[in-house]
C-alpha atoms as a PDB file:
ATOM      1  CA  MET A   1     -11.886 -34.255  15.875  1.00  0.00           C
ATOM      2  CA  GLY A   2     -11.209 -37.682  17.343  1.00  0.00           C
ATOM      3  CA  LYS A   3     -13.194 -40.935  17.328  1.00  0.00           C
ATOM      4  CA  THR A   4     -14.747 -40.717  20.803  1.00  0.00           C
ATOM      5  CA  ASN A   5     -18.454 -41.632  20.659  1.00  0.00           C
ATOM      6  CA  GLN A   6     -20.882 -39.067  22.048  1.00  0.00           C
ATOM      7  CA  SER A   7     -24.570 -38.510  21.369  1.00  0.00           C
ATOM      8  CA  SER A   8     -24.074 -34.783  20.707  1.00  0.00           C
ATOM      9  CA  VAL A   9     -21.673 -31.949  21.436  1.00  0.00           C
ATOM     10  CA  THR A  10     -22.943 -29.070  23.600  1.00  0.00           C
ATOM     11  CA  GLU A  11     -19.593 -27.340  24.194  1.00  0.00           C
ATOM     12  CA  PHE A  12     -16.009 -27.346  22.963  1.00  0.00           C
ATOM     13  CA  VAL A  13     -12.712 -27.299  24.843  1.00  0.00           C
ATOM     14  CA  LEU A  14     -10.224 -24.718  23.505  1.00  0.00           C
ATOM     15  CA  LEU A  15      -6.715 -25.951  24.242  1.00  0.00           C
ATOM     16  CA  GLY A  16      -4.867 -22.787  23.224  1.00  0.00           C
ATOM     17  CA  LEU A  17      -1.406 -23.003  24.822  1.00  0.00           C
ATOM     18  CA  SER A  18      -2.452 -25.404  27.583  1.00  0.00           C
ATOM     19  CA  GLY A  19       0.568 -27.572  26.855  1.00  0.00           C
ATOM     20  CA  TYR A  20       2.911 -24.602  27.226  1.00  0.00           C
ATOM     21  CA  PRO A  21       2.165 -22.946  30.596  1.00  0.00           C
ATOM     22  CA  GLU A  22       5.413 -20.931  30.456  1.00  0.00           C
ATOM     23  CA  LEU A  23       4.149 -19.204  27.296  1.00  0.00           C
ATOM     24  CA  GLU A  24       0.586 -18.531  28.457  1.00  0.00           C
ATOM     25  CA  ALA A  25       1.378 -15.495  30.635  1.00  0.00           C
ATOM     26  CA  ILE A  26       3.629 -13.966  27.960  1.00  0.00           C
ATOM     27  CA  TYR A  27       1.066 -14.548  25.239  1.00  0.00           C
ATOM     28  CA  PHE A  28      -1.751 -13.152  27.385  1.00  0.00           C
ATOM     29  CA  LEU A  29       0.132  -9.913  28.108  1.00  0.00           C
ATOM     30  CA  LEU A  30       1.234  -9.580  24.477  1.00  0.00           C
ATOM     31  CA  VAL A  31      -2.269 -10.027  23.066  1.00  0.00           C
ATOM     32  CA  LEU A  32      -3.784  -7.764  25.723  1.00  0.00           C
ATOM     33  CA  LEU A  33      -1.266  -4.997  24.951  1.00  0.00           C
ATOM     34  CA  MET A  34      -1.863  -5.256  21.205  1.00  0.00           C
ATOM     35  CA  TYR A  35      -5.636  -5.270  21.695  1.00  0.00           C
ATOM     36  CA  LEU A  36      -5.397  -2.060  23.727  1.00  0.00           C
ATOM     37  CA  VAL A  37      -3.297  -0.510  20.947  1.00  0.00           C
ATOM     38  CA  ILE A  38      -5.920  -1.619  18.408  1.00  0.00           C
ATOM     39  CA  LEU A  39      -8.732  -0.034  20.423  1.00  0.00           C
ATOM     40  CA  LEU A  40      -6.771   3.168  20.996  1.00  0.00           C
ATOM     41  CA  GLY A  41      -5.364   3.561  17.479  1.00  0.00           C
ATOM     42  CA  ASN A  42      -8.505   2.654  15.589  1.00  0.00           C
ATOM     43  CA  GLY A  43     -10.637   4.494  18.135  1.00  0.00           C
ATOM     44  CA  VAL A  44      -8.777   7.696  17.318  1.00  0.00           C
ATOM     45  CA  ILE A  45      -9.178   7.061  13.586  1.00  0.00           C
ATOM     46  CA  ILE A  46     -12.930   6.479  14.058  1.00  0.00           C
ATOM     47  CA  ILE A  47     -13.213  10.058  15.303  1.00  0.00           C
ATOM     48  CA  VAL A  48     -12.011  11.425  11.968  1.00  0.00           C
ATOM     49  CA  ASN A  49     -12.955   8.864   9.290  1.00  0.00           C
ATOM     50  CA  LEU A  50     -15.236   6.174  10.777  1.00  0.00           C
ATOM     51  CA  SER A  51     -12.752   3.314  10.416  1.00  0.00           C
ATOM     52  CA  PHE A  52     -14.100   0.620  12.753  1.00  0.00           C
ATOM     53  CA  LEU A  53     -13.672  -2.654  10.831  1.00  0.00           C
ATOM     54  CA  ASP A  54     -10.481  -3.605  12.685  1.00  0.00           C
ATOM     55  CA  ILE A  55     -12.126  -3.062  16.071  1.00  0.00           C
ATOM     56  CA  CYS A  56     -15.060  -5.270  15.026  1.00  0.00           C
ATOM     57  CA  TYR A  57     -12.725  -7.898  13.553  1.00  0.00           C
ATOM     58  CA  THR A  58     -10.487  -8.212  16.596  1.00  0.00           C
ATOM     59  CA  SER A  59     -13.358  -7.936  19.086  1.00  0.00           C
ATOM     60  CA  SER A  60     -14.888 -11.066  17.539  1.00  0.00           C
ATOM     61  CA  SER A  61     -11.972 -13.181  18.780  1.00  0.00           C
ATOM     62  CA  ILE A  62      -9.509 -11.424  21.127  1.00  0.00           C
ATOM     63  CA  PRO A  63     -11.849 -11.190  24.150  1.00  0.00           C
ATOM     64  CA  LEU A  64     -12.307 -14.956  23.797  1.00  0.00           C
ATOM     65  CA  PHE A  65      -8.494 -15.357  23.624  1.00  0.00           C
ATOM     66  CA  LEU A  66      -8.014 -13.426  26.833  1.00  0.00           C
ATOM     67  CA  SER A  67     -10.898 -14.971  28.750  1.00  0.00           C
ATOM     68  CA  ARG A  68      -9.604 -18.488  28.020  1.00  0.00           C
ATOM     69  CA  PHE A  69      -6.238 -17.597  29.578  1.00  0.00           C
ATOM     70  CA  LEU A  70      -7.906 -16.434  32.788  1.00  0.00           C
ATOM     71  CA  ALA A  71     -10.595 -19.123  33.064  1.00  0.00           C
ATOM     72  CA  SER A  72      -9.866 -22.395  34.795  1.00  0.00           C
ATOM     73  CA  LYS A  73     -12.404 -24.172  32.575  1.00  0.00           C
ATOM     74  CA  LYS A  74     -11.359 -23.522  28.992  1.00  0.00           C
ATOM     75  CA  THR A  75     -14.669 -24.302  27.308  1.00  0.00           C
ATOM     76  CA  ILE A  76     -17.070 -22.499  25.018  1.00  0.00           C
ATOM     77  CA  SER A  77     -20.685 -23.428  24.356  1.00  0.00           C
ATOM     78  CA  PHE A  78     -21.807 -24.733  20.977  1.00  0.00           C
ATOM     79  CA  SER A  79     -23.870 -21.584  20.343  1.00  0.00           C
ATOM     80  CA  GLY A  80     -21.037 -19.344  21.561  1.00  0.00           C
ATOM     81  CA  CYS A  81     -18.670 -21.064  19.163  1.00  0.00           C
ATOM     82  CA  GLY A  82     -21.150 -20.462  16.334  1.00  0.00           C
ATOM     83  CA  VAL A  83     -21.506 -16.752  17.131  1.00  0.00           C
ATOM     84  CA  GLN A  84     -17.743 -16.290  17.353  1.00  0.00           C
ATOM     85  CA  MET A  85     -17.201 -18.001  13.983  1.00  0.00           C
ATOM     86  CA  PHE A  86     -20.012 -15.994  12.374  1.00  0.00           C
ATOM     87  CA  LEU A  87     -18.451 -12.675  13.435  1.00  0.00           C
ATOM     88  CA  SER A  88     -14.910 -13.770  12.540  1.00  0.00           C
ATOM     89  CA  PHE A  89     -15.932 -14.958   9.069  1.00  0.00           C
ATOM     90  CA  ALA A  90     -17.937 -11.793   8.384  1.00  0.00           C
ATOM     91  CA  MET A  91     -15.208  -9.379   9.513  1.00  0.00           C
ATOM     92  CA  GLY A  92     -12.379 -11.374   7.932  1.00  0.00           C
ATOM     93  CA  ALA A  93     -14.089 -11.599   4.533  1.00  0.00           C
ATOM     94  CA  THR A  94     -14.908  -7.879   4.654  1.00  0.00           C
ATOM     95  CA  GLU A  95     -11.256  -7.125   5.392  1.00  0.00           C
ATOM     96  CA  CYS A  96     -10.156  -9.218   2.396  1.00  0.00           C
ATOM     97  CA  VAL A  97     -12.525  -7.448   0.006  1.00  0.00           C
ATOM     98  CA  LEU A  98     -11.599  -3.983   1.289  1.00  0.00           C
ATOM     99  CA  LEU A  99      -7.877  -4.679   0.879  1.00  0.00           C
ATOM    100  CA  SER A 100      -8.474  -5.566  -2.759  1.00  0.00           C
ATOM    101  CA  MET A 101     -10.503  -2.381  -3.239  1.00  0.00           C
ATOM    102  CA  MET A 102      -7.650  -0.380  -1.697  1.00  0.00           C
ATOM    103  CA  ALA A 103      -5.368  -1.870  -4.356  1.00  0.00           C
ATOM    104  CA  PHE A 104      -7.695  -0.428  -7.000  1.00  0.00           C
ATOM    105  CA  ASP A 105      -7.543   2.915  -5.186  1.00  0.00           C
ATOM    106  CA  CYS A 106      -3.731   2.833  -5.412  1.00  0.00           C
ATOM    107  CA  TYR A 107      -3.942   1.874  -9.083  1.00  0.00           C
ATOM    108  CA  VAL A 108      -6.139   4.863  -9.922  1.00  0.00           C
ATOM    109  CA  ALA A 109      -4.032   7.257  -7.802  1.00  0.00           C
ATOM    110  CA  ILE A 110      -0.783   6.261  -9.529  1.00  0.00           C
ATOM    111  CA  CYS A 111      -1.821   5.212 -13.038  1.00  0.00           C
ATOM    112  CA  ASN A 112      -4.635   7.745 -13.572  1.00  0.00           C
ATOM    113  CA  PRO A 113      -3.955  10.574 -11.109  1.00  0.00           C
ATOM    114  CA  LEU A 114      -5.798  13.247 -13.106  1.00  0.00           C
ATOM    115  CA  ARG A 115      -8.963  11.168 -13.191  1.00  0.00           C
ATOM    116  CA  TYR A 116      -8.742  10.103  -9.535  1.00  0.00           C
ATOM    117  CA  PRO A 117     -11.313  12.630  -8.198  1.00  0.00           C
ATOM    118  CA  VAL A 118     -13.767  11.563 -10.900  1.00  0.00           C
ATOM    119  CA  ILE A 119     -13.279   7.786 -10.593  1.00  0.00           C
ATOM    120  CA  MET A 120     -12.927   7.547  -6.811  1.00  0.00           C
ATOM    121  CA  SER A 121     -15.919   9.734  -6.068  1.00  0.00           C
ATOM    122  CA  LYS A 122     -18.541   9.205  -3.388  1.00  0.00           C
ATOM    123  CA  ASN A 123     -20.718   7.483  -6.004  1.00  0.00           C
ATOM    124  CA  LEU A 124     -18.130   4.702  -6.182  1.00  0.00           C
ATOM    125  CA  TYR A 125     -16.506   4.316  -2.782  1.00  0.00           C
ATOM    126  CA  VAL A 126     -19.740   4.306  -0.766  1.00  0.00           C
ATOM    127  CA  PRO A 127     -21.256   1.364  -2.737  1.00  0.00           C
ATOM    128  CA  VAL A 128     -17.869  -0.402  -2.682  1.00  0.00           C
ATOM    129  CA  ALA A 129     -17.570  -0.067   1.098  1.00  0.00           C
ATOM    130  CA  ALA A 130     -21.176  -1.160   1.620  1.00  0.00           C
ATOM    131  CA  GLY A 131     -20.713  -4.047  -0.819  1.00  0.00           C
ATOM    132  CA  SER A 132     -17.648  -5.243   1.104  1.00  0.00           C
ATOM    133  CA  TRP A 133     -19.638  -5.448   4.340  1.00  0.00           C
ATOM    134  CA  ILE A 134     -22.542  -7.153   2.576  1.00  0.00           C
ATOM    135  CA  ALA A 135     -20.200  -9.679   0.931  1.00  0.00           C
ATOM    136  CA  GLY A 136     -18.634 -10.486   4.310  1.00  0.00           C
ATOM    137  CA  GLY A 137     -22.052 -10.953   5.890  1.00  0.00           C
ATOM    138  CA  VAL A 138     -23.337 -13.182   3.074  1.00  0.00           C
ATOM    139  CA  ASN A 139     -20.159 -15.274   3.247  1.00  0.00           C
ATOM    140  CA  SER A 140     -20.581 -15.738   6.984  1.00  0.00           C
ATOM    141  CA  VAL A 141     -24.265 -16.688   6.698  1.00  0.00           C
ATOM    142  CA  LEU A 142     -23.510 -19.282   4.005  1.00  0.00           C
ATOM    143  CA  GLN A 143     -20.532 -20.770   5.853  1.00  0.00           C
ATOM    144  CA  MET A 144     -22.358 -21.001   9.168  1.00  0.00           C
ATOM    145  CA  SER A 145     -25.545 -22.409   7.630  1.00  0.00           C
ATOM    146  CA  LEU A 146     -23.467 -25.209   6.106  1.00  0.00           C
ATOM    147  CA  ALA A 147     -21.282 -25.738   9.181  1.00  0.00           C
ATOM    148  CA  MET A 148     -24.209 -26.018  11.591  1.00  0.00           C
ATOM    149  CA  ARG A 149     -25.643 -28.889   9.531  1.00  0.00           C
ATOM    150  CA  LEU A 150     -22.556 -31.008  10.175  1.00  0.00           C
ATOM    151  CA  PRO A 151     -22.797 -33.700  12.865  1.00  0.00           C
ATOM    152  CA  PHE A 152     -20.607 -32.824  15.868  1.00  0.00           C
ATOM    153  CA  CYS A 153     -20.547 -36.150  17.663  1.00  0.00           C
ATOM    154  CA  GLY A 154     -16.865 -36.863  18.229  1.00  0.00           C
ATOM    155  CA  ASP A 155     -14.121 -35.418  20.396  1.00  0.00           C
ATOM    156  CA  ASN A 156     -15.047 -31.871  21.467  1.00  0.00           C
ATOM    157  CA  VAL A 157     -11.446 -30.662  21.958  1.00  0.00           C
ATOM    158  CA  ILE A 158     -10.288 -27.847  19.623  1.00  0.00           C
ATOM    159  CA  ASN A 159      -6.521 -27.477  19.551  1.00  0.00           C
ATOM    160  CA  HIS A 160      -6.561 -23.709  19.033  1.00  0.00           C
ATOM    161  CA  PHE A 161      -7.507 -20.427  20.700  1.00  0.00           C
ATOM    162  CA  THR A 162     -10.850 -19.963  18.937  1.00  0.00           C
ATOM    163  CA  CYS A 163     -13.403 -21.914  16.952  1.00  0.00           C
ATOM    164  CA  GLU A 164     -12.536 -22.103  13.272  1.00  0.00           C
ATOM    165  CA  ILE A 165     -13.399 -24.272  10.301  1.00  0.00           C
ATOM    166  CA  PHE A 166     -11.854 -24.488   6.849  1.00  0.00           C
ATOM    167  CA  MET A 167     -14.205 -24.318   3.863  1.00  0.00           C
ATOM    168  CA  VAL A 168     -12.356 -24.581   0.572  1.00  0.00           C
ATOM    169  CA  VAL A 169     -14.804 -22.798  -1.750  1.00  0.00           C
ATOM    170  CA  ALA A 170     -15.355 -19.794   0.524  1.00  0.00           C
ATOM    171  CA  ASN A 171     -11.642 -19.434   1.229  1.00  0.00           C
ATOM    172  CA  MET A 172     -10.848 -19.658  -2.481  1.00  0.00           C
ATOM    173  CA  ILE A 173     -13.269 -16.785  -3.143  1.00  0.00           C
ATOM    174  CA  PHE A 174     -12.290 -14.504  -0.274  1.00  0.00           C
ATOM    175  CA  LEU A 175      -8.569 -15.268  -0.146  1.00  0.00           C
ATOM    176  CA  LEU A 176      -7.272 -16.150  -3.591  1.00  0.00           C
ATOM    177  CA  VAL A 177      -9.563 -13.910  -5.682  1.00  0.00           C
ATOM    178  CA  PRO A 178      -8.662 -10.716  -3.748  1.00  0.00           C
ATOM    179  CA  VAL A 179      -4.978 -11.709  -3.822  1.00  0.00           C
ATOM    180  CA  LEU A 180      -5.207 -12.158  -7.599  1.00  0.00           C
ATOM    181  CA  PHE A 181      -6.930  -8.775  -7.939  1.00  0.00           C
ATOM    182  CA  ILE A 182      -4.229  -7.103  -5.817  1.00  0.00           C
ATOM    183  CA  PHE A 183      -1.481  -8.820  -7.821  1.00  0.00           C
ATOM    184  CA  VAL A 184      -2.916  -7.640 -11.147  1.00  0.00           C
ATOM    185  CA  SER A 185      -3.267  -4.093  -9.784  1.00  0.00           C
ATOM    186  CA  TYR A 186       0.401  -3.974  -8.808  1.00  0.00           C
ATOM    187  CA  VAL A 187       1.431  -5.438 -12.174  1.00  0.00           C
ATOM    188  CA  PHE A 188       0.208  -2.138 -13.613  1.00  0.00           C
ATOM    189  CA  ILE A 189       1.284   0.043 -10.680  1.00  0.00           C
ATOM    190  CA  LEU A 190       4.975  -0.916 -10.458  1.00  0.00           C
ATOM    191  CA  PRO A 191       5.897  -0.295 -14.139  1.00  0.00           C
ATOM    192  CA  THR A 192       4.097   3.043 -13.966  1.00  0.00           C
ATOM    193  CA  ILE A 193       6.154   4.056 -10.924  1.00  0.00           C
ATOM    194  CA  LEU A 194       9.414   2.969 -12.569  1.00  0.00           C
ATOM    195  CA  ARG A 195       8.628   5.083 -15.634  1.00  0.00           C
ATOM    196  CA  ILE A 196       8.405   8.269 -13.549  1.00  0.00           C
ATOM    197  CA  PRO A 197      11.486  10.309 -14.544  1.00  0.00           C
ATOM    198  CA  SER A 198      12.235  12.057 -11.233  1.00  0.00           C
ATOM    199  CA  ALA A 199      13.442  10.293  -8.093  1.00  0.00           C
ATOM    200  CA  GLU A 200      11.185  12.476  -5.973  1.00  0.00           C
ATOM    201  CA  GLY A 201       8.175  11.477  -8.055  1.00  0.00           C
ATOM    202  CA  ARG A 202       9.021   7.775  -7.747  1.00  0.00           C
ATOM    203  CA  HIS A 203       9.473   8.129  -3.994  1.00  0.00           C
ATOM    204  CA  LYS A 204       6.120   9.871  -3.649  1.00  0.00           C
ATOM    205  CA  ALA A 205       4.402   7.208  -5.748  1.00  0.00           C
ATOM    206  CA  PHE A 206       6.000   4.373  -3.745  1.00  0.00           C
ATOM    207  CA  SER A 207       4.937   6.003  -0.474  1.00  0.00           C
ATOM    208  CA  THR A 208       1.365   6.121  -1.772  1.00  0.00           C
ATOM    209  CA  CYS A 209       1.092   2.337  -2.008  1.00  0.00           C
ATOM    210  CA  SER A 210       3.794   1.136   0.424  1.00  0.00           C
ATOM    211  CA  ALA A 211       1.490   1.210   3.458  1.00  0.00           C
ATOM    212  CA  HIS A 212      -1.188  -0.838   1.684  1.00  0.00           C
ATOM    213  CA  LEU A 213       1.384  -3.295   0.350  1.00  0.00           C
ATOM    214  CA  THR A 214       2.830  -3.786   3.847  1.00  0.00           C
ATOM    215  CA  VAL A 215      -0.595  -4.605   5.279  1.00  0.00           C
ATOM    216  CA  VAL A 216      -1.345  -6.987   2.391  1.00  0.00           C
ATOM    217  CA  ILE A 217       1.924  -8.891   2.843  1.00  0.00           C
ATOM    218  CA  ILE A 218       1.469  -9.338   6.603  1.00  0.00           C
ATOM    219  CA  PHE A 219      -2.258 -10.150   6.444  1.00  0.00           C
ATOM    220  CA  TYR A 220      -2.410 -12.400   3.394  1.00  0.00           C
ATOM    221  CA  GLY A 221       1.075 -13.839   3.804  1.00  0.00           C
ATOM    222  CA  THR A 222       0.368 -15.291   7.239  1.00  0.00           C
ATOM    223  CA  ILE A 223      -3.180 -16.425   6.330  1.00  0.00           C
ATOM    224  CA  LEU A 224      -2.078 -18.248   3.170  1.00  0.00           C
ATOM    225  CA  PHE A 225       0.889 -19.794   4.975  1.00  0.00           C
ATOM    226  CA  THR A 226      -1.321 -20.999   7.829  1.00  0.00           C
ATOM    227  CA  TYR A 227      -4.039 -22.533   5.649  1.00  0.00           C
ATOM    228  CA  ALA A 228      -1.559 -24.035   3.189  1.00  0.00           C
ATOM    229  CA  LYS A 229       0.281 -25.690   6.073  1.00  0.00           C
ATOM    230  CA  LEU A 230      -2.953 -27.032   7.568  1.00  0.00           C
ATOM    231  CA  LYS A 231      -4.052 -28.472   4.223  1.00  0.00           C
ATOM    232  CA  ALA A 232      -0.640 -30.099   3.780  1.00  0.00           C
ATOM    233  CA  LYS A 233      -1.093 -31.758   7.173  1.00  0.00           C
ATOM    234  CA  ASP A 234      -4.555 -32.967   6.154  1.00  0.00           C
ATOM    235  CA  PHE A 235      -3.167 -34.615   3.020  1.00  0.00           C
ATOM    236  CA  SER A 236      -0.307 -36.209   4.946  1.00  0.00           C
ATOM    237  CA  GLY A 237      -2.662 -37.505   7.636  1.00  0.00           C
ATOM    238  CA  ALA A 238      -1.066 -35.418  10.396  1.00  0.00           C
ATOM    239  CA  ASP A 239      -3.432 -34.136  13.079  1.00  0.00           C
ATOM    240  CA  LYS A 240      -1.178 -32.076  15.309  1.00  0.00           C
ATOM    241  CA  VAL A 241      -1.368 -28.287  15.408  1.00  0.00           C
ATOM    242  CA  GLN A 242       2.013 -26.964  16.493  1.00  0.00           C
ATOM    243  CA  VAL A 243       2.485 -23.994  18.805  1.00  0.00           C
ATOM    244  CA  THR A 244       4.086 -22.081  15.910  1.00  0.00           C
ATOM    245  CA  ASP A 245       0.863 -22.460  13.905  1.00  0.00           C
ATOM    246  CA  LYS A 246      -1.084 -20.845  16.741  1.00  0.00           C
ATOM    247  CA  ILE A 247       1.376 -17.986  17.118  1.00  0.00           C
ATOM    248  CA  ILE A 248       1.372 -17.307  13.359  1.00  0.00           C
ATOM    249  CA  SER A 249      -2.396 -16.820  13.556  1.00  0.00           C
ATOM    250  CA  LEU A 250      -1.601 -13.886  15.851  1.00  0.00           C
ATOM    251  CA  PHE A 251      -0.256 -11.934  12.870  1.00  0.00           C
ATOM    252  CA  TYR A 252      -3.365 -11.843  10.698  1.00  0.00           C
ATOM    253  CA  GLY A 253      -5.742 -11.749  13.667  1.00  0.00           C
ATOM    254  CA  VAL A 254      -4.035  -9.169  15.883  1.00  0.00           C
ATOM    255  CA  VAL A 255      -0.820  -7.690  14.454  1.00  0.00           C
ATOM    256  CA  THR A 256      -2.290  -6.428  11.173  1.00  0.00           C
ATOM    257  CA  PRO A 257      -5.251  -4.609  12.812  1.00  0.00           C
ATOM    258  CA  MET A 258      -2.816  -3.107  15.322  1.00  0.00           C
ATOM    259  CA  LEU A 259      -0.485  -1.815  12.589  1.00  0.00           C
ATOM    260  CA  ASN A 260      -3.214  -0.478  10.290  1.00  0.00           C
ATOM    261  CA  PRO A 261      -3.613   2.921  12.055  1.00  0.00           C
ATOM    262  CA  LEU A 262       0.165   3.322  12.197  1.00  0.00           C
ATOM    263  CA  ILE A 263       1.243   2.306   8.700  1.00  0.00           C
ATOM    264  CA  TYR A 264      -1.839   3.369   6.784  1.00  0.00           C
ATOM    265  CA  SER A 265      -4.178   5.952   8.264  1.00  0.00           C
ATOM    266  CA  LEU A 266      -1.751   7.886  10.471  1.00  0.00           C
ATOM    267  CA  ARG A 267       0.669   8.314   7.549  1.00  0.00           C
ATOM    268  CA  ASN A 268      -2.032  10.172   5.646  1.00  0.00           C
ATOM    269  CA  LYS A 269      -1.580  13.959   5.804  1.00  0.00           C
ATOM    270  CA  ASP A 270      -5.329  14.561   5.734  1.00  0.00           C
ATOM    271  CA  VAL A 271      -5.850  12.284   8.735  1.00  0.00           C
ATOM    272  CA  LYS A 272      -3.049  13.999  10.651  1.00  0.00           C
ATOM    273  CA  ALA A 273      -4.572  17.388   9.894  1.00  0.00           C
ATOM    274  CA  ALA A 274      -8.011  16.167  10.978  1.00  0.00           C
ATOM    275  CA  LEU A 275      -6.601  14.817  14.249  1.00  0.00           C
ATOM    276  CA  LYS A 276      -4.813  18.104  14.867  1.00  0.00           C
ATOM    277  CA  ASN A 277      -8.012  20.051  14.237  1.00  0.00           C
ATOM    278  CA  LYS A 278      -9.966  17.742  16.571  1.00  0.00           C
ATOM    279  CA  TYR A 279      -7.365  18.299  19.292  1.00  0.00           C
ATOM    280  CA  LEU A 280      -7.484  22.074  18.874  1.00  0.00           C
ATOM    281  CA  VAL A 281     -11.283  22.160  18.924  1.00  0.00           C
ATOM    282  CA  THR A 282     -11.375  19.963  22.036  1.00  0.00           C
ATOM    283  CA  SER A 283      -8.800  22.135  23.803  1.00  0.00           C
ATOM    284  CA  LEU A 284     -10.672  25.359  22.990  1.00  0.00           C
ATOM    285  CA  THR A 285     -13.950  23.768  24.093  1.00  0.00           C
ATOM    286  CA  TYR A 286     -12.764  22.581  27.497  1.00  0.00           C
ATOM    287  CA  TYR A 287     -10.304  25.323  28.394  1.00  0.00           C
ATOM    288  CA  PRO A 288     -13.031  27.773  29.621  1.00  0.00           C
ATOM    289  CA  LEU A 289     -14.428  25.064  31.902  1.00  0.00           C
ATOM    290  CA  PHE A 290     -11.038  24.468  33.498  1.00  0.00           C
ATOM    291  CA  ALA A 291     -10.388  28.218  33.767  1.00  0.00           C
ATOM    292  CA  SER A 292     -13.714  28.776  35.535  1.00  0.00           C
ATOM    293  CA  GLY A 293     -12.945  26.156  38.180  1.00  0.00           C
ATOM    294  CA  PHE A 294     -15.239  23.344  37.034  1.00  0.00           C
END
């Protein structure tokens, strides 16, 4: 924020791509299309396995993205900014924890396949899933309680699409610790796969964890790159957020949730079978109504 003197800040101006009007329409249509895919893909998955984190995560920021493109006054109230950050922090931290837990799931499936039903039972995965949501909520409460104590009395222009702050301790916990956990898991997973004697067995084992690894690379790769670049600018004294930095944020905020149903859930045979059964049940349920003229 700049050095302009003000008594207090009641709203913020979100610049987004204001300096690039030729990109605004393209970006709006691209984000809108991906958001619709997210709602459709994850909405279908919700029907069979209650996967709604990605919808919650993207809905905390994408509607704000889109509304800023359409609005002539690109502002957001102080309280609105706080609510948006609270939801983004909570959903983002939950996503980070769940991705690390999925790495453990892959580890058990590949390194201890015979014990998988015992280890990954309902007694474990229910508390783990609930703990991930609780951890994300606690992180968000702590971050926002600290952020709201800061004095916002300077320039109220935010050179981004949404409100966002960088807190080192919280990001160390919810970014680097899960990444370290995932890395250690794959240190054990990869040698186990390579020791499988048959090519078919190795292929099957790789396919088990390839979807998760793809999501991890896209999600964490772009987040770590973005925050590392911003911190480098802070140390160098630079204050300019480039358009490429804003577009890169699209990957961990929009692209990853859009790809999750495609490269993770929809590749699962059980999910495909469940979707097929849902379709058959729906068809059999509604066919008599159509046949009777209603």
